[in-house]
């Protein structure tokens, strides 16, 4: 999964997601022996801003086999989120495909949460993934806290039975990226790259962006991005 802000080239980012989803990119704990055995083939989705409103499109096909990708290659936007799903909880369906939207927020997640997840019934959850339930739970906590950084921390402290919790949460003005402490730091990783007019956070470095200098986001850090100015703020535990 990835989020890109600023002077965005959606075509290159789609190529990058295809490479990641087809397991042709980085080595990690899940594909140590051979790339190609950990494909994210459970559907894919894109969310982007157009005239300051969210456009969300999804497909249940693997992105590396889906001609629908070409529909979005010439999209012009200053904010895009992409996700390719590896199925754990919930069947392959449009309702279970990331990114999810609730009110003004967009959300996507890597990992599996096995704890019971609670959320306010005012948030309409359409599918049966742990990811969408986690989204509702974070927004429920935010409703109480009125401080989204504290809401994220308080909410995710509740979960102890998980493989990983990496997520991207965004509204039109700000985006948030988080990595919960985990035992597979190469797989459950997020990396950030920035130029003067462009910022990207991605699960893996993208060879399609050769002039980006990447750095790892540390576990338990919350990265806050101003979507207009590209200003970054790191919130440490």
Protein backbone atom coordinates (compact mmCIF):
# COMPACT_ATOMS: atom_id res chain seq x y z
CA UNK A 1 0.00 0.00 0.00
CA UNK A 2 1.08 3.60 -0.45
CA UNK A 3 0.09 7.22 -0.19
CA UNK A 4 1.51 9.97 -2.37
CA UNK A 5 0.99 13.72 -1.97
CA UNK A 6 1.95 16.71 -4.08
CA UNK A 7 3.19 16.48 -7.66
CA UNK A 8 1.89 12.93 -8.15
CA UNK A 9 2.52 10.67 -11.16
CA UNK A 10 -0.25 8.09 -10.75
CA UNK A 11 1.00 6.04 -13.69
CA UNK A 12 4.36 5.31 -12.01
CA UNK A 13 2.68 4.59 -8.69
CA UNK A 14 0.35 2.05 -10.29
CA UNK A 15 3.35 0.34 -11.85
CA UNK A 16 4.95 0.28 -8.42
CA UNK A 17 1.89 -1.29 -6.81
CA UNK A 18 1.75 -3.92 -9.55
CA UNK A 19 5.38 -4.82 -8.83
CA UNK A 20 4.74 -5.07 -5.09
CA UNK A 21 1.49 -7.02 -5.43
CA UNK A 22 3.10 -9.52 -7.81
CA UNK A 23 5.89 -10.07 -5.24
CA UNK A 24 8.60 -8.93 -7.63
CA UNK A 25 10.14 -6.25 -5.46
CA UNK A 26 11.63 -6.49 -1.95
CA UNK A 27 12.63 -9.52 0.12
CA UNK A 28 11.02 -9.90 3.55
CA UNK A 29 10.06 -12.52 6.14
CA UNK A 30 7.19 -13.87 4.03
CA UNK A 31 9.17 -14.46 0.81
CA UNK A 32 12.71 -15.13 2.03
CA UNK A 33 13.26 -18.19 -0.13
CA UNK A 34 11.91 -16.87 -3.40
CA UNK A 35 10.05 -13.84 -4.62
CA UNK A 36 6.72 -14.67 -6.24
CA UNK A 37 5.25 -16.79 -3.46
CA UNK A 38 3.58 -13.98 -1.51
CA UNK A 39 1.37 -12.29 -4.06
CA UNK A 40 -1.28 -9.82 -2.98
CA UNK A 41 -3.98 -11.13 -5.27
CA UNK A 42 -7.18 -10.45 -3.30
CA UNK A 43 -8.22 -7.29 -5.10
CA UNK A 44 -6.99 -3.72 -5.17
CA UNK A 45 -8.24 -0.18 -4.84
CA UNK A 46 -7.46 3.46 -5.40
CA UNK A 47 -8.65 6.62 -3.62
CA UNK A 48 -7.76 10.08 -4.88
CA UNK A 49 -8.89 13.67 -4.63
CA UNK A 50 -10.68 15.23 -7.60
CA UNK A 51 -12.00 18.77 -7.19
CA UNK A 52 -11.42 18.36 -3.45
CA UNK A 53 -13.67 15.31 -3.13
CA UNK A 54 -12.77 11.64 -2.78
CA UNK A 55 -13.04 9.26 -5.70
CA UNK A 56 -12.78 5.62 -4.57
CA UNK A 57 -12.59 2.76 -7.06
CA UNK A 58 -12.00 -0.94 -6.35
CA UNK A 59 -11.59 -4.27 -8.10
CA UNK A 60 -11.66 -7.86 -6.85
CA UNK A 61 -9.12 -8.92 -9.48
CA UNK A 62 -5.37 -9.07 -8.81
CA UNK A 63 -3.94 -5.73 -9.88
CA UNK A 64 -1.26 -7.47 -11.93
CA UNK A 65 -3.98 -9.15 -14.03
CA UNK A 66 -6.54 -6.36 -14.17
CA UNK A 67 -6.88 -4.15 -17.28
CA UNK A 68 -8.95 -1.74 -15.16
CA UNK A 69 -5.61 -0.33 -13.97
CA UNK A 70 -5.27 1.52 -17.27
CA UNK A 71 -8.40 3.56 -16.49
CA UNK A 72 -6.46 5.47 -13.83
CA UNK A 73 -3.07 5.96 -15.46
CA UNK A 74 -3.75 9.56 -16.49
CA UNK A 75 -5.52 10.67 -13.30
CA UNK A 76 -4.45 14.15 -12.21
CA UNK A 77 -4.48 14.62 -8.44
CA UNK A 78 -2.39 15.90 -5.55
CA UNK A 79 -3.31 13.00 -3.24
CA UNK A 80 -3.64 9.31 -4.02
CA UNK A 81 -3.84 6.15 -1.91
CA UNK A 82 -3.30 2.67 -3.38
CA UNK A 83 -3.71 -0.77 -1.79
CA UNK A 84 -3.40 -4.38 -2.98
CA UNK A 85 -4.99 -6.94 -0.66
CA UNK A 86 -3.56 -10.16 0.76
CA UNK A 87 -6.61 -12.02 2.07
CA UNK A 88 -6.67 -13.21 5.70
CA UNK A 89 -10.03 -12.29 7.27
CA UNK A 90 -13.04 -11.85 4.99
CA UNK A 91 -13.74 -13.20 1.53
CA UNK A 92 -12.70 -11.55 -1.72
CA UNK A 93 -15.41 -8.97 -2.40
CA UNK A 94 -15.79 -5.31 -3.25
CA UNK A 95 -16.94 -4.60 0.33
CA UNK A 96 -13.73 -6.12 1.73
CA UNK A 97 -11.36 -4.39 -0.69
CA UNK A 98 -9.29 -1.44 0.53
CA UNK A 99 -9.26 1.57 0.68
CA UNK A 100 -12.35 2.09 2.82
CA UNK A 101 -14.24 5.36 3.23
CA UNK A 102 -16.19 6.53 6.28
CA UNK A 103 -17.40 10.12 6.18
CA UNK A 104 -14.46 12.29 5.13
CA UNK A 105 -11.80 9.69 5.96
CA UNK A 106 -10.04 7.08 3.80
CA UNK A 107 -8.29 4.06 5.36
CA UNK A 108 -6.20 1.07 4.34
CA UNK A 109 -4.37 -1.49 6.44
CA UNK A 110 -1.78 -4.27 6.29
CA UNK A 111 -1.86 -7.01 8.92
CA UNK A 112 -4.39 -9.09 10.79
CA UNK A 113 -6.09 -8.19 14.08
CA UNK A 114 -7.64 -11.18 15.88
CA UNK A 115 -8.89 -9.31 18.95
CA UNK A 116 -12.54 -8.32 19.16
CA UNK A 117 -12.88 -4.86 17.60
CA UNK A 118 -15.57 -2.50 18.86
CA UNK A 119 -16.87 0.63 17.16
CA UNK A 120 -19.82 3.02 17.30
CA UNK A 121 -22.81 1.81 15.26
CA UNK A 122 -23.02 5.26 13.65
CA UNK A 123 -20.12 4.16 11.45
CA UNK A 124 -21.59 1.92 8.75
CA UNK A 125 -19.23 -0.99 8.14
CA UNK A 126 -20.14 -2.80 4.91
CA UNK A 127 -17.74 -5.77 4.89
CA UNK A 128 -16.41 -8.34 7.33
CA UNK A 129 -12.68 -7.58 7.43
CA UNK A 130 -10.78 -6.77 10.60
CA UNK A 131 -9.38 -3.78 8.67
CA UNK A 132 -12.69 -1.98 8.14
CA UNK A 133 -13.73 -2.71 11.73
CA UNK A 134 -10.40 -1.25 12.90
CA UNK A 135 -11.15 1.85 10.83
CA UNK A 136 -14.49 2.28 12.60
CA UNK A 137 -12.84 1.72 15.95
CA UNK A 138 -10.23 4.44 15.36
CA UNK A 139 -12.90 6.93 14.29
CA UNK A 140 -14.99 6.00 17.33
CA UNK A 141 -12.03 6.79 19.58
CA UNK A 142 -11.41 10.03 17.68
CA UNK A 143 -15.00 11.08 18.36
CA UNK A 144 -14.29 10.79 22.10
CA UNK A 145 -10.77 12.21 22.18
CA UNK A 146 -11.04 15.10 19.70
CA UNK A 147 -7.29 14.59 19.13
CA UNK A 148 -6.63 12.13 16.38
CA UNK A 149 -3.05 11.29 17.45
CA UNK A 150 -4.21 10.39 20.96
CA UNK A 151 -7.20 8.56 19.50
CA UNK A 152 -4.92 6.40 17.34
CA UNK A 153 -2.64 5.56 20.27
CA UNK A 154 -5.45 4.84 22.73
CA UNK A 155 -7.29 2.70 20.22
CA UNK A 156 -4.36 0.59 19.08
CA UNK A 157 -3.17 -0.02 22.64
CA UNK A 158 -6.27 -2.21 23.00
CA UNK A 159 -5.06 -4.81 20.53
CA UNK A 160 -2.53 -7.45 21.52
CA UNK A 161 -3.44 -10.39 19.26
CA UNK A 162 -2.27 -9.31 15.82
CA UNK A 163 0.31 -10.08 13.15
CA UNK A 164 0.82 -6.45 12.25
CA UNK A 165 -1.01 -3.15 12.19
CA UNK A 166 0.26 -0.79 9.50
CA UNK A 167 -2.22 1.75 8.23
CA UNK A 168 -2.82 4.89 6.24
CA UNK A 169 -5.60 7.21 7.41
CA UNK A 170 -6.37 10.38 5.46
CA UNK A 171 -8.85 13.16 5.01
CA UNK A 172 -8.60 16.00 2.53
CA UNK A 173 -6.30 18.07 4.75
CA UNK A 174 -4.09 15.62 6.64
CA UNK A 175 -2.82 12.06 6.42
CA UNK A 176 -1.53 9.72 9.12
CA UNK A 177 0.71 6.67 8.81
CA UNK A 178 1.36 4.25 11.66
CA UNK A 179 3.30 1.03 12.30
CA UNK A 180 2.49 -0.91 15.47
CA UNK A 181 5.31 -2.89 17.06
CA UNK A 182 5.68 -6.27 15.35
CA UNK A 183 8.02 -9.23 14.92
CA UNK A 184 8.32 -9.06 11.13
CA UNK A 185 9.91 -5.64 10.60
CA UNK A 186 10.80 -6.17 6.93
CA UNK A 187 7.29 -7.19 5.89
CA UNK A 188 5.34 -4.85 8.17
CA UNK A 189 7.36 -1.81 7.18
CA UNK A 190 6.58 1.60 5.78
CA UNK A 191 9.17 3.73 4.01
CA UNK A 192 9.05 7.40 3.25
CA UNK A 193 10.56 9.44 0.44
CA UNK A 194 10.35 13.17 -0.19
CA UNK A 195 11.33 15.77 -2.76
CA UNK A 196 10.51 19.48 -2.82
CA UNK A 197 7.07 19.01 -4.35
CA UNK A 198 6.35 15.33 -3.70
CA UNK A 199 6.04 12.96 -0.76
CA UNK A 200 5.40 9.23 -0.70
CA UNK A 201 4.97 6.62 2.04
CA UNK A 202 4.99 3.04 0.80
CA UNK A 203 5.23 -0.52 2.09
CA UNK A 204 8.27 -0.97 -0.15
CA UNK A 205 10.70 1.24 -2.04
CA UNK A 206 9.59 1.70 -5.63
CA UNK A 207 12.20 1.28 -8.38
CA UNK A 208 9.86 3.31 -10.59
CA UNK A 209 10.93 6.37 -8.55
CA UNK A 210 14.74 6.30 -8.90
CA UNK A 211 15.44 9.81 -7.58
CA UNK A 212 13.78 9.32 -4.21
CA UNK A 213 15.87 8.90 -1.07
CA UNK A 214 13.97 6.50 1.18
CA UNK A 215 13.98 6.25 4.96
CA UNK A 216 12.22 3.80 7.26
CA UNK A 217 9.42 4.85 9.56
CA UNK A 218 10.07 3.41 13.01
CA UNK A 219 7.66 1.14 14.81
CA UNK A 220 5.23 3.02 17.07
CA UNK A 221 5.77 6.31 15.24
CA UNK A 222 2.78 8.20 13.86
CA UNK A 223 3.65 10.30 10.83
CA UNK A 224 1.35 13.28 10.29
CA UNK A 225 1.35 14.85 6.82
CA UNK A 226 -0.11 18.19 5.84
CA UNK A 227 -1.56 17.40 2.42
CA UNK A 228 -1.29 21.01 1.24
CA UNK A 229 2.22 21.95 2.38
CA UNK A 230 3.80 18.45 2.62
CA UNK A 231 4.97 19.39 6.10
CA UNK A 232 5.80 16.32 8.21
CA UNK A 233 5.42 15.82 11.92
CA UNK A 234 6.67 12.68 13.67
CA UNK A 235 4.76 11.70 16.82
CA UNK A 236 6.79 9.31 18.95
CA UNK A 237 5.43 7.12 21.71
